[in-house]
Amino acid sequence: MNKGKTHWLPNAGTVASYAGRSSKTIRNVRVVAEACGGRMIVEAIGRQGVAVRLTVKQENLAPLQPSLFD
């Protein structure tokens, strides 16, 4: 049963937008690799300015919006 929504599958090294558990939490992340079960390993900047790796659901990733210089 397809709901008609196509999922975006980013390649490793792609910069994407990640919508967290609450809609207020939106981060720019870099995709590191594809994990199992429809999840992706991404890298983001943590609260203390250190790069952290997270495993997120693929459906929560979206391409970045076009910027001024694109």
PDB file of N, CA and C in Angstrom:
ATOM      1  N   MET A   1       0.838  -1.181   0.000  1.00  0.00           N
ATOM      2  CA  MET A   1       0.000   0.000   0.000  1.00  0.00           C
ATOM      3  C   MET A   1       0.879   1.240   0.000  1.00  0.00           C
ATOM      4  N   ASN A   2       0.926   1.905  -1.108  1.00  0.00           N
ATOM      5  CA  ASN A   2       1.721   3.104  -1.255  1.00  0.00           C
ATOM      6  C   ASN A   2       0.839   4.315  -1.013  1.00  0.00           C
ATOM      7  N   LYS A   3       1.254   5.186  -0.147  1.00  0.00           N
ATOM      8  CA  LYS A   3       0.474   6.384   0.175  1.00  0.00           C
ATOM      9  C   LYS A   3       0.680   7.490  -0.845  1.00  0.00           C
ATOM     10  N   GLY A   4       1.509   7.246  -1.844  1.00  0.00           N
ATOM     11  CA  GLY A   4       1.744   8.246  -2.871  1.00  0.00           C
ATOM     12  C   GLY A   4       2.872   9.207  -2.530  1.00  0.00           C
ATOM     13  N   LYS A   5       3.458   9.058  -1.360  1.00  0.00           N
ATOM     14  CA  LYS A   5       4.553   9.925  -0.948  1.00  0.00           C
ATOM     15  C   LYS A   5       5.873   9.254  -1.285  1.00  0.00           C
ATOM     16  N   THR A   6       6.690   9.930  -2.075  1.00  0.00           N
ATOM     17  CA  THR A   6       7.982   9.363  -2.433  1.00  0.00           C
ATOM     18  C   THR A   6       9.018   9.845  -1.432  1.00  0.00           C
ATOM     19  N   HIS A   7       9.912   8.956  -1.051  1.00  0.00           N
ATOM     20  CA  HIS A   7      10.957   9.300  -0.101  1.00  0.00           C
ATOM     21  C   HIS A   7      12.219   9.671  -0.853  1.00  0.00           C
ATOM     22  N   TRP A   8      12.902  10.626  -0.322  1.00  0.00           N
ATOM     23  CA  TRP A   8      14.150  11.105  -0.881  1.00  0.00           C
ATOM     24  C   TRP A   8      15.279  10.271  -0.296  1.00  0.00           C
ATOM     25  N   LEU A   9      16.106   9.680  -1.136  1.00  0.00           N
ATOM     26  CA  LEU A   9      17.222   8.849  -0.691  1.00  0.00           C
ATOM     27  C   LEU A   9      18.524   9.577  -0.986  1.00  0.00           C
ATOM     28  N   PRO A  10      19.108  10.240   0.028  1.00  0.00           N
ATOM     29  CA  PRO A  10      20.349  10.985  -0.207  1.00  0.00           C
ATOM     30  C   PRO A  10      21.557  10.068  -0.259  1.00  0.00           C
ATOM     31  N   ASN A  11      22.562  10.460  -0.997  1.00  0.00           N
ATOM     32  CA  ASN A  11      23.832   9.743  -1.062  1.00  0.00           C
ATOM     33  C   ASN A  11      24.718  10.183   0.093  1.00  0.00           C
ATOM     34  N   ALA A  12      25.746   9.407   0.374  1.00  0.00           N
ATOM     35  CA  ALA A  12      26.710   9.773   1.412  1.00  0.00           C
ATOM     36  C   ALA A  12      27.398  11.082   1.027  1.00  0.00           C
ATOM     37  N   GLY A  13      27.554  11.973   1.982  1.00  0.00           N
ATOM     38  CA  GLY A  13      28.177  13.269   1.742  1.00  0.00           C
ATOM     39  C   GLY A  13      27.195  14.381   1.436  1.00  0.00           C
ATOM     40  N   THR A  14      25.925  14.045   1.264  1.00  0.00           N
ATOM     41  CA  THR A  14      24.907  15.038   0.951  1.00  0.00           C
ATOM     42  C   THR A  14      24.505  15.801   2.204  1.00  0.00           C
ATOM     43  N   VAL A  15      24.295  17.105   2.082  1.00  0.00           N
ATOM     44  CA  VAL A  15      23.802  17.919   3.186  1.00  0.00           C
ATOM     45  C   VAL A  15      22.278  17.925   3.101  1.00  0.00           C
ATOM     46  N   ALA A  16      21.628  17.670   4.234  1.00  0.00           N
ATOM     47  CA  ALA A  16      20.176  17.566   4.259  1.00  0.00           C
ATOM     48  C   ALA A  16      19.626  18.298   5.474  1.00  0.00           C
ATOM     49  N   SER A  17      18.325  18.429   5.505  1.00  0.00           N
ATOM     50  CA  SER A  17      17.624  19.017   6.635  1.00  0.00           C
ATOM     51  C   SER A  17      16.942  17.890   7.400  1.00  0.00           C
ATOM     52  N   TYR A  18      17.104  17.859   8.725  1.00  0.00           N
ATOM     53  CA  TYR A  18      16.538  16.802   9.557  1.00  0.00           C
ATOM     54  C   TYR A  18      15.514  17.396  10.509  1.00  0.00           C
ATOM     55  N   ALA A  19      14.297  16.891  10.446  1.00  0.00           N
ATOM     56  CA  ALA A  19      13.243  17.307  11.369  1.00  0.00           C
ATOM     57  C   ALA A  19      13.208  16.299  12.508  1.00  0.00           C
ATOM     58  N   GLY A  20      13.522  16.752  13.716  1.00  0.00           N
ATOM     59  CA  GLY A  20      13.604  15.883  14.876  1.00  0.00           C
ATOM     60  C   GLY A  20      12.240  15.473  15.412  1.00  0.00           C
ATOM     61  N   ARG A  21      12.248  15.024  16.653  1.00  0.00           N
ATOM     62  CA  ARG A  21      11.018  14.540  17.278  1.00  0.00           C
ATOM     63  C   ARG A  21       9.949  15.613  17.357  1.00  0.00           C
ATOM     64  N   SER A  22      10.343  16.824  17.652  1.00  0.00           N
ATOM     65  CA  SER A  22       9.378  17.922  17.639  1.00  0.00           C
ATOM     66  C   SER A  22       9.615  18.743  16.377  1.00  0.00           C
ATOM     67  N   SER A  23       8.577  19.325  15.867  1.00  0.00           N
ATOM     68  CA  SER A  23       8.721  20.082  14.615  1.00  0.00           C
ATOM     69  C   SER A  23       9.569  21.335  14.798  1.00  0.00           C
ATOM     70  N   LYS A  24       9.841  21.734  16.040  1.00  0.00           N
ATOM     71  CA  LYS A  24      10.665  22.913  16.295  1.00  0.00           C
ATOM     72  C   LYS A  24      12.145  22.619  16.074  1.00  0.00           C
ATOM     73  N   THR A  25      12.516  21.349  16.136  1.00  0.00           N
ATOM     74  CA  THR A  25      13.915  20.958  16.015  1.00  0.00           C
ATOM     75  C   THR A  25      14.227  20.597  14.571  1.00  0.00           C
ATOM     76  N   ILE A  26      14.816  21.521  13.831  1.00  0.00           N
ATOM     77  CA  ILE A  26      15.239  21.264  12.460  1.00  0.00           C
ATOM     78  C   ILE A  26      16.721  21.571  12.385  1.00  0.00           C
ATOM     79  N   ARG A  27      17.513  20.583  11.951  1.00  0.00           N
ATOM     80  CA  ARG A  27      18.963  20.715  11.872  1.00  0.00           C
ATOM     81  C   ARG A  27      19.437  20.481  10.455  1.00  0.00           C
ATOM     82  N   ASN A  28      20.538  21.105  10.122  1.00  0.00           N
ATOM     83  CA  ASN A  28      21.240  20.782   8.885  1.00  0.00           C
ATOM     84  C   ASN A  28      22.263  19.715   9.234  1.00  0.00           C
ATOM     85  N   VAL A  29      22.230  18.612   8.518  1.00  0.00           N
ATOM     86  CA  VAL A  29      23.105  17.478   8.811  1.00  0.00           C
ATOM     87  C   VAL A  29      23.793  17.039   7.529  1.00  0.00           C
ATOM     88  N   ARG A  30      24.870  16.256   7.697  1.00  0.00           N
ATOM     89  CA  ARG A  30      25.566  15.660   6.566  1.00  0.00           C
ATOM     90  C   ARG A  30      25.383  14.160   6.655  1.00  0.00           C
ATOM     91  N   VAL A  31      24.933  13.548   5.575  1.00  0.00           N
ATOM     92  CA  VAL A  31      24.705  12.110   5.545  1.00  0.00           C
ATOM     93  C   VAL A  31      26.046  11.399   5.469  1.00  0.00           C
ATOM     94  N   VAL A  32      26.270  10.442   6.387  1.00  0.00           N
ATOM     95  CA  VAL A  32      27.516   9.693   6.417  1.00  0.00           C
ATOM     96  C   VAL A  32      27.346   8.367   5.691  1.00  0.00           C
ATOM     97  N   ALA A  33      26.266   7.631   6.013  1.00  0.00           N
ATOM     98  CA  ALA A  33      26.062   6.311   5.414  1.00  0.00           C
ATOM     99  C   ALA A  33      24.614   5.893   5.581  1.00  0.00           C
ATOM    100  N   GLU A  34      24.253   4.846   4.859  1.00  0.00           N
ATOM    101  CA  GLU A  34      22.925   4.266   4.987  1.00  0.00           C
ATOM    102  C   GLU A  34      23.002   3.111   5.973  1.00  0.00           C
ATOM    103  N   ALA A  35      22.096   3.089   6.933  1.00  0.00           N
ATOM    104  CA  ALA A  35      22.034   1.997   7.906  1.00  0.00           C
ATOM    105  C   ALA A  35      20.874   1.079   7.517  1.00  0.00           C
ATOM    106  N   CYS A  36      20.609   0.093   8.320  1.00  0.00           N
ATOM    107  CA  CYS A  36      19.530  -0.842   8.006  1.00  0.00           C
ATOM    108  C   CYS A  36      18.199  -0.345   8.571  1.00  0.00           C
ATOM    109  N   GLY A  37      17.120  -0.895   8.073  1.00  0.00           N
ATOM    110  CA  GLY A  37      15.794  -0.576   8.581  1.00  0.00           C
ATOM    111  C   GLY A  37      15.292   0.800   8.213  1.00  0.00           C
ATOM    112  N   GLY A  38      15.705   1.327   7.073  1.00  0.00           N
ATOM    113  CA  GLY A  38      15.219   2.641   6.641  1.00  0.00           C
ATOM    114  C   GLY A  38      15.812   3.788   7.436  1.00  0.00           C
ATOM    115  N   ARG A  39      16.997   3.618   7.961  1.00  0.00           N
ATOM    116  CA  ARG A  39      17.655   4.651   8.755  1.00  0.00           C
ATOM    117  C   ARG A  39      18.950   5.092   8.088  1.00  0.00           C
ATOM    118  N   MET A  40      19.372   6.285   8.426  1.00  0.00           N
ATOM    119  CA  MET A  40      20.596   6.864   7.883  1.00  0.00           C
ATOM    120  C   MET A  40      21.477   7.329   9.040  1.00  0.00           C
ATOM    121  N   ILE A  41      22.782   7.227   8.864  1.00  0.00           N
ATOM    122  CA  ILE A  41      23.725   7.762   9.836  1.00  0.00           C
ATOM    123  C   ILE A  41      24.107   9.153   9.349  1.00  0.00           C
ATOM    124  N   VAL A  42      23.901  10.154  10.205  1.00  0.00           N
ATOM    125  CA  VAL A  42      24.181  11.538   9.837  1.00  0.00           C
ATOM    126  C   VAL A  42      25.121  12.150  10.865  1.00  0.00           C
ATOM    127  N   GLU A  43      25.748  13.240  10.475  1.00  0.00           N
ATOM    128  CA  GLU A  43      26.663  13.965  11.352  1.00  0.00           C
ATOM    129  C   GLU A  43      26.146  15.384  11.501  1.00  0.00           C
ATOM    130  N   ALA A  44      26.084  15.858  12.746  1.00  0.00           N
ATOM    131  CA  ALA A  44      25.596  17.206  13.026  1.00  0.00           C
ATOM    132  C   ALA A  44      26.517  17.842  14.060  1.00  0.00           C
ATOM    133  N   ILE A  45      26.358  19.135  14.277  1.00  0.00           N
ATOM    134  CA  ILE A  45      27.112  19.848  15.299  1.00  0.00           C
ATOM    135  C   ILE A  45      26.304  19.788  16.593  1.00  0.00           C
ATOM    136  N   GLY A  46      26.921  19.277  17.651  1.00  0.00           N
ATOM    137  CA  GLY A  46      26.253  19.144  18.939  1.00  0.00           C
ATOM    138  C   GLY A  46      26.180  20.456  19.697  1.00  0.00           C
ATOM    139  N   ARG A  47      25.659  20.386  20.905  1.00  0.00           N
ATOM    140  CA  ARG A  47      25.466  21.595  21.722  1.00  0.00           C
ATOM    141  C   ARG A  47      26.772  22.252  22.128  1.00  0.00           C
ATOM    142  N   GLN A  48      27.828  21.471  22.268  1.00  0.00           N
ATOM    143  CA  GLN A  48      29.100  22.044  22.691  1.00  0.00           C
ATOM    144  C   GLN A  48      30.042  22.290  21.509  1.00  0.00           C
ATOM    145  N   GLY A  49      29.512  22.255  20.303  1.00  0.00           N
ATOM    146  CA  GLY A  49      30.298  22.555  19.114  1.00  0.00           C
ATOM    147  C   GLY A  49      31.107  21.396  18.579  1.00  0.00           C
ATOM    148  N   VAL A  50      30.860  20.201  19.068  1.00  0.00           N
ATOM    149  CA  VAL A  50      31.578  19.013  18.633  1.00  0.00           C
ATOM    150  C   VAL A  50      30.692  18.228  17.670  1.00  0.00           C
ATOM    151  N   ALA A  51      31.286  17.679  16.622  1.00  0.00           N
ATOM    152  CA  ALA A  51      30.521  16.881  15.662  1.00  0.00           C
ATOM    153  C   ALA A  51      30.047  15.586  16.330  1.00  0.00           C
ATOM    154  N   VAL A  52      28.760  15.274  16.173  1.00  0.00           N
ATOM    155  CA  VAL A  52      28.184  14.055  16.725  1.00  0.00           C
ATOM    156  C   VAL A  52      27.518  13.276  15.597  1.00  0.00           C
ATOM    157  N   ARG A  53      27.486  11.959  15.729  1.00  0.00           N
ATOM    158  CA  ARG A  53      26.823  11.111  14.739  1.00  0.00           C
ATOM    159  C   ARG A  53      25.518  10.596  15.319  1.00  0.00           C
ATOM    160  N   LEU A  54      24.478  10.654  14.499  1.00  0.00           N
ATOM    161  CA  LEU A  54      23.152  10.235  14.907  1.00  0.00           C
ATOM    162  C   LEU A  54      22.614   9.246  13.891  1.00  0.00           C
ATOM    163  N   THR A  55      21.754   8.358  14.338  1.00  0.00           N
ATOM    164  CA  THR A  55      21.027   7.475  13.426  1.00  0.00           C
ATOM    165  C   THR A  55      19.596   7.976  13.382  1.00  0.00           C
ATOM    166  N   VAL A  56      19.120   8.343  12.194  1.00  0.00           N
ATOM    167  CA  VAL A  56      17.793   8.933  12.044  1.00  0.00           C
ATOM    168  C   VAL A  56      17.007   8.174  10.979  1.00  0.00           C
ATOM    169  N   LYS A  57      15.699   8.296  11.037  1.00  0.00           N
ATOM    170  CA  LYS A  57      14.863   7.674  10.022  1.00  0.00           C
ATOM    171  C   LYS A  57      14.985   8.453   8.718  1.00  0.00           C
ATOM    172  N   GLN A  58      15.019   7.713   7.636  1.00  0.00           N
ATOM    173  CA  GLN A  58      15.163   8.319   6.314  1.00  0.00           C
ATOM    174  C   GLN A  58      13.998   9.250   6.005  1.00  0.00           C
ATOM    175  N   GLU A  59      12.817   8.920   6.475  1.00  0.00           N
ATOM    176  CA  GLU A  59      11.637   9.737   6.178  1.00  0.00           C
ATOM    177  C   GLU A  59      11.688  11.107   6.844  1.00  0.00           C
ATOM    178  N   ASN A  60      12.582  11.304   7.834  1.00  0.00           N
ATOM    179  CA  ASN A  60      12.712  12.597   8.498  1.00  0.00           C
ATOM    180  C   ASN A  60      13.751  13.493   7.837  1.00  0.00           C
ATOM    181  N   LEU A  61      14.390  13.014   6.781  1.00  0.00           N
ATOM    182  CA  LEU A  61      15.366  13.816   6.049  1.00  0.00           C
ATOM    183  C   LEU A  61      14.698  14.443   4.830  1.00  0.00           C
ATOM    184  N   ALA A  62      15.106  15.657   4.527  1.00  0.00           N
ATOM    185  CA  ALA A  62      14.574  16.370   3.365  1.00  0.00           C
ATOM    186  C   ALA A  62      15.709  17.158   2.727  1.00  0.00           C
ATOM    187  N   PRO A  63      15.631  17.395   1.417  1.00  0.00           N
ATOM    188  CA  PRO A  63      16.667  18.220   0.778  1.00  0.00           C
ATOM    189  C   PRO A  63      16.613  19.649   1.306  1.00  0.00           C
ATOM    190  N   LEU A  64      17.760  20.320   1.305  1.00  0.00           N
ATOM    191  CA  LEU A  64      17.800  21.719   1.742  1.00  0.00           C
ATOM    192  C   LEU A  64      17.004  22.581   0.789  1.00  0.00           C
ATOM    193  N   GLN A  65      16.451  23.644   1.332  1.00  0.00           N
ATOM    194  CA  GLN A  65      15.741  24.621   0.500  1.00  0.00           C
ATOM    195  C   GLN A  65      16.763  25.392  -0.326  1.00  0.00           C
ATOM    196  N   PRO A  66      16.384  25.864  -1.501  1.00  0.00           N
ATOM    197  CA  PRO A  66      17.328  26.653  -2.299  1.00  0.00           C
ATOM    198  C   PRO A  66      17.745  27.916  -1.535  1.00  0.00           C
ATOM    199  N   SER A  67      19.008  28.259  -1.643  1.00  0.00           N
ATOM    200  CA  SER A  67      19.506  29.435  -0.946  1.00  0.00           C
ATOM    201  C   SER A  67      19.695  30.583  -1.929  1.00  0.00           C
ATOM    202  N   LEU A  68      20.138  31.671  -1.420  1.00  0.00           N
ATOM    203  CA  LEU A  68      20.328  32.878  -2.221  1.00  0.00           C
ATOM    204  C   LEU A  68      21.349  32.668  -3.334  1.00  0.00           C
ATOM    205  N   PHE A  69      22.375  31.853  -3.085  1.00  0.00           N
ATOM    206  CA  PHE A  69      23.472  31.710  -4.027  1.00  0.00           C
ATOM    207  C   PHE A  69      23.374  30.472  -4.905  1.00  0.00           C
ATOM    208  N   ASP A  70      22.288  29.734  -4.857  1.00  0.00           N
ATOM    209  CA  ASP A  70      22.135  28.544  -5.715  1.00  0.00           C
ATOM    210  C   ASP A  70      21.700  28.906  -7.100  1.00  0.00           C
TER     211      ASP A  70
END
